[in-house]
Amino acid sequence: MGSSGSRRALKSSQPTWAEQLVADGLLTVKQAAEFLGISRSQVYALMERGELPYVKIGSSRRIPKRALIAFAARHLVAGTSLPIEW
């Protein structure tokens, strides 16, 4: 007959979405502003509105690099003449 002892749930080896988001590293607010070409106050505003996720470490905020790339891609305005080849 089957064992009725306690079974441990196997932890998934798949990283969580949060782990995937921070996998490429975190940037300071200043670095994020430079990456996006906007001011630091605009970065803070994006975080406050929930448009840009961040990690809070003590009193510091760090923005995942992947979040900045995704944010920029969502706001990309491309004309029909823009050839994109990967």
N, C-alpha and C. Protein backbone atom coordinates (compact mmCIF):
# COMPACT_ATOMS: atom_id res chain seq x y z
N MET A 1 0.83 -1.18 0.00
CA MET A 1 0.00 0.00 0.00
C MET A 1 0.88 1.24 0.00
N GLY A 2 0.31 2.36 -0.37
CA GLY A 2 1.08 3.60 -0.48
C GLY A 2 1.47 4.16 0.87
N SER A 3 2.52 4.89 0.87
CA SER A 3 2.99 5.51 2.10
C SER A 3 2.12 6.72 2.41
N SER A 4 1.67 6.78 3.66
CA SER A 4 0.85 7.93 4.05
C SER A 4 1.66 8.94 4.85
N GLY A 5 2.97 8.76 4.86
CA GLY A 5 3.85 9.69 5.57
C GLY A 5 3.83 11.05 4.90
N SER A 6 4.36 12.02 5.59
CA SER A 6 4.37 13.37 5.01
C SER A 6 5.30 13.43 3.82
N ARG A 7 4.85 14.07 2.81
CA ARG A 7 5.65 14.24 1.58
C ARG A 7 6.03 15.69 1.46
N ARG A 8 7.26 15.91 1.16
CA ARG A 8 7.73 17.27 0.94
C ARG A 8 7.40 17.70 -0.47
N ALA A 9 6.84 18.85 -0.59
CA ALA A 9 6.57 19.39 -1.92
C ALA A 9 7.90 19.74 -2.56
N LEU A 10 8.07 19.31 -3.78
CA LEU A 10 9.30 19.63 -4.49
C LEU A 10 9.28 21.09 -4.90
N LYS A 11 10.34 21.79 -4.55
CA LYS A 11 10.43 23.20 -4.94
C LYS A 11 10.76 23.28 -6.42
N SER A 12 10.03 24.10 -7.10
CA SER A 12 10.24 24.26 -8.53
C SER A 12 11.62 24.85 -8.79
N SER A 13 12.27 24.32 -9.81
CA SER A 13 13.57 24.86 -10.18
C SER A 13 13.43 26.07 -11.10
N GLN A 14 12.21 26.38 -11.47
CA GLN A 14 11.95 27.54 -12.32
C GLN A 14 12.03 28.81 -11.49
N PRO A 15 12.77 29.82 -11.96
CA PRO A 15 12.82 31.07 -11.21
C PRO A 15 11.47 31.78 -11.24
N THR A 16 11.16 32.51 -10.19
CA THR A 16 9.92 33.26 -10.14
C THR A 16 10.03 34.46 -11.09
N TRP A 17 8.90 35.12 -11.37
CA TRP A 17 8.94 36.28 -12.26
C TRP A 17 9.80 37.38 -11.65
N ALA A 18 9.77 37.52 -10.32
CA ALA A 18 10.58 38.55 -9.67
C ALA A 18 12.07 38.23 -9.82
N GLU A 19 12.43 36.97 -9.67
CA GLU A 19 13.83 36.57 -9.85
C GLU A 19 14.29 36.81 -11.28
N GLN A 20 13.41 36.53 -12.23
CA GLN A 20 13.75 36.77 -13.63
C GLN A 20 13.92 38.27 -13.90
N LEU A 21 13.07 39.08 -13.27
CA LEU A 21 13.12 40.52 -13.50
C LEU A 21 14.44 41.13 -13.02
N VAL A 22 14.97 40.63 -11.92
CA VAL A 22 16.20 41.21 -11.37
C VAL A 22 17.46 40.47 -11.81
N ALA A 23 17.31 39.44 -12.64
CA ALA A 23 18.44 38.59 -13.03
C ALA A 23 19.58 39.34 -13.71
N ASP A 24 19.27 40.38 -14.45
CA ASP A 24 20.31 41.13 -15.17
C ASP A 24 20.89 42.28 -14.36
N GLY A 25 20.47 42.41 -13.13
CA GLY A 25 21.03 43.43 -12.27
C GLY A 25 20.10 44.60 -12.02
N LEU A 26 20.52 45.41 -11.07
CA LEU A 26 19.74 46.57 -10.64
C LEU A 26 20.54 47.85 -10.89
N LEU A 27 19.82 48.90 -11.22
CA LEU A 27 20.45 50.20 -11.46
C LEU A 27 19.95 51.21 -10.44
N THR A 28 20.78 52.20 -10.16
CA THR A 28 20.36 53.30 -9.30
C THR A 28 19.36 54.17 -10.07
N VAL A 29 18.71 55.05 -9.33
CA VAL A 29 17.77 55.98 -9.97
C VAL A 29 18.52 56.85 -10.98
N LYS A 30 19.71 57.29 -10.62
CA LYS A 30 20.50 58.11 -11.53
C LYS A 30 20.84 57.34 -12.81
N GLN A 31 21.26 56.09 -12.65
CA GLN A 31 21.59 55.27 -13.83
C GLN A 31 20.35 55.02 -14.68
N ALA A 32 19.21 54.78 -14.03
CA ALA A 32 17.96 54.56 -14.76
C ALA A 32 17.57 55.80 -15.55
N ALA A 33 17.74 56.97 -14.93
CA ALA A 33 17.42 58.23 -15.60
C ALA A 33 18.31 58.42 -16.83
N GLU A 34 19.59 58.12 -16.67
CA GLU A 34 20.52 58.24 -17.80
C GLU A 34 20.16 57.25 -18.90
N PHE A 35 19.80 56.03 -18.53
CA PHE A 35 19.43 55.01 -19.51
C PHE A 35 18.22 55.46 -20.34
N LEU A 36 17.22 56.02 -19.65
CA LEU A 36 16.00 56.44 -20.34
C LEU A 36 16.10 57.85 -20.93
N GLY A 37 17.12 58.59 -20.54
CA GLY A 37 17.26 59.95 -21.05
C GLY A 37 16.26 60.92 -20.45
N ILE A 38 15.91 60.69 -19.19
CA ILE A 38 14.96 61.56 -18.49
C ILE A 38 15.59 61.98 -17.17
N SER A 39 14.89 62.83 -16.43
CA SER A 39 15.42 63.31 -15.14
C SER A 39 15.17 62.28 -14.04
N ARG A 40 15.92 62.43 -12.95
CA ARG A 40 15.72 61.55 -11.79
C ARG A 40 14.31 61.73 -11.23
N SER A 41 13.81 62.96 -11.21
CA SER A 41 12.46 63.18 -10.67
C SER A 41 11.40 62.48 -11.52
N GLN A 42 11.63 62.39 -12.83
CA GLN A 42 10.70 61.66 -13.69
C GLN A 42 10.74 60.16 -13.38
N VAL A 43 11.92 59.64 -13.08
CA VAL A 43 12.04 58.22 -12.70
C VAL A 43 11.26 57.98 -11.41
N TYR A 44 11.44 58.86 -10.42
CA TYR A 44 10.68 58.72 -9.17
C TYR A 44 9.18 58.77 -9.42
N ALA A 45 8.74 59.65 -10.31
CA ALA A 45 7.32 59.76 -10.63
C ALA A 45 6.81 58.47 -11.27
N LEU A 46 7.59 57.89 -12.17
CA LEU A 46 7.20 56.62 -12.80
C LEU A 46 7.06 55.51 -11.76
N MET A 47 7.98 55.50 -10.80
CA MET A 47 7.91 54.49 -9.73
C MET A 47 6.67 54.71 -8.87
N GLU A 48 6.40 55.96 -8.51
CA GLU A 48 5.25 56.28 -7.65
C GLU A 48 3.93 55.94 -8.33
N ARG A 49 3.86 56.11 -9.66
CA ARG A 49 2.64 55.79 -10.41
C ARG A 49 2.51 54.29 -10.70
N GLY A 50 3.54 53.52 -10.35
CA GLY A 50 3.50 52.08 -10.59
C GLY A 50 3.85 51.68 -12.00
N GLU A 51 4.39 52.61 -12.78
CA GLU A 51 4.75 52.31 -14.16
C GLU A 51 6.13 51.68 -14.28
N LEU A 52 6.93 51.80 -13.23
CA LEU A 52 8.28 51.28 -13.24
C LEU A 52 8.53 50.55 -11.91
N PRO A 53 8.69 49.23 -11.96
CA PRO A 53 8.92 48.50 -10.71
C PRO A 53 10.31 48.79 -10.15
N TYR A 54 10.44 48.64 -8.85
CA TYR A 54 11.73 48.89 -8.22
C TYR A 54 11.89 47.98 -7.01
N VAL A 55 13.12 47.88 -6.56
CA VAL A 55 13.48 47.12 -5.37
C VAL A 55 13.88 48.13 -4.30
N LYS A 56 13.37 47.98 -3.13
CA LYS A 56 13.73 48.87 -2.02
C LYS A 56 14.74 48.14 -1.14
N ILE A 57 15.92 48.71 -1.02
CA ILE A 57 16.98 48.15 -0.18
C ILE A 57 17.32 49.24 0.83
N GLY A 58 16.85 49.06 2.05
CA GLY A 58 16.99 50.13 3.04
C GLY A 58 16.18 51.32 2.58
N SER A 59 16.82 52.46 2.49
CA SER A 59 16.12 53.65 1.98
C SER A 59 16.39 53.89 0.50
N SER A 60 17.19 53.01 -0.10
CA SER A 60 17.54 53.16 -1.52
C SER A 60 16.58 52.40 -2.42
N ARG A 61 16.38 52.93 -3.60
CA ARG A 61 15.58 52.24 -4.61
C ARG A 61 16.50 51.84 -5.75
N ARG A 62 16.28 50.63 -6.25
CA ARG A 62 17.03 50.12 -7.39
C ARG A 62 16.02 49.62 -8.41
N ILE A 63 16.31 49.90 -9.67
CA ILE A 63 15.40 49.53 -10.76
C ILE A 63 16.03 48.39 -11.55
N PRO A 64 15.27 47.30 -11.75
CA PRO A 64 15.79 46.20 -12.56
C PRO A 64 16.06 46.66 -14.00
N LYS A 65 17.21 46.27 -14.52
CA LYS A 65 17.58 46.64 -15.89
C LYS A 65 16.52 46.15 -16.88
N ARG A 66 16.02 44.94 -16.65
CA ARG A 66 14.98 44.40 -17.55
C ARG A 66 13.72 45.25 -17.53
N ALA A 67 13.39 45.83 -16.39
CA ALA A 67 12.20 46.68 -16.30
C ALA A 67 12.38 47.94 -17.14
N LEU A 68 13.60 48.48 -17.16
CA LEU A 68 13.86 49.66 -17.98
C LEU A 68 13.76 49.35 -19.46
N ILE A 69 14.29 48.20 -19.85
CA ILE A 69 14.22 47.78 -21.26
C ILE A 69 12.76 47.58 -21.66
N ALA A 70 11.99 46.91 -20.80
CA ALA A 70 10.57 46.68 -21.10
C ALA A 70 9.80 47.99 -21.16
N PHE A 71 10.11 48.92 -20.26
CA PHE A 71 9.44 50.21 -20.25
C PHE A 71 9.72 50.96 -21.55
N ALA A 72 10.98 51.01 -21.94
CA ALA A 72 11.36 51.70 -23.18
C ALA A 72 10.69 51.04 -24.38
N ALA A 73 10.65 49.71 -24.41
CA ALA A 73 10.04 49.00 -25.53
C ALA A 73 8.54 49.28 -25.63
N ARG A 74 7.88 49.40 -24.47
CA ARG A 74 6.44 49.71 -24.47
C ARG A 74 6.16 51.11 -25.02
N HIS A 75 7.12 51.99 -24.92
CA HIS A 75 6.93 53.36 -25.38
C HIS A 75 7.60 53.64 -26.72
N LEU A 76 8.05 52.60 -27.37
CA LEU A 76 8.70 52.74 -28.67
C LEU A 76 7.69 53.14 -29.72
N VAL A 77 8.02 54.19 -30.43
CA VAL A 77 7.19 54.65 -31.54
C VAL A 77 8.03 54.46 -32.78
N ALA A 78 7.62 53.52 -33.62
CA ALA A 78 8.41 53.20 -34.81
C ALA A 78 7.57 53.43 -36.06
N GLY A 79 8.18 54.08 -37.00
CA GLY A 79 7.53 54.27 -38.29
C GLY A 79 7.66 53.01 -39.13
N THR A 80 6.98 52.98 -40.23
CA THR A 80 7.02 51.79 -41.09
C THR A 80 8.35 51.65 -41.80
N SER A 81 9.16 52.69 -41.81
CA SER A 81 10.43 52.61 -42.54
C SER A 81 11.58 52.14 -41.65
N LEU A 82 11.29 51.81 -40.38
CA LEU A 82 12.34 51.38 -39.46
C LEU A 82 12.61 49.90 -39.65
N PRO A 83 13.75 49.56 -40.29
CA PRO A 83 14.06 48.13 -40.47
C PRO A 83 14.68 47.58 -39.20
N ILE A 84 14.04 46.56 -38.65
CA ILE A 84 14.57 45.91 -37.45
C ILE A 84 14.88 44.47 -37.81
N GLU A 85 16.14 44.15 -37.82
CA GLU A 85 16.58 42.79 -38.10
C GLU A 85 17.44 42.31 -36.96
N TRP A 86 17.12 41.16 -36.45
CA TRP A 86 17.90 40.58 -35.36
C TRP A 86 18.60 39.40 -35.86
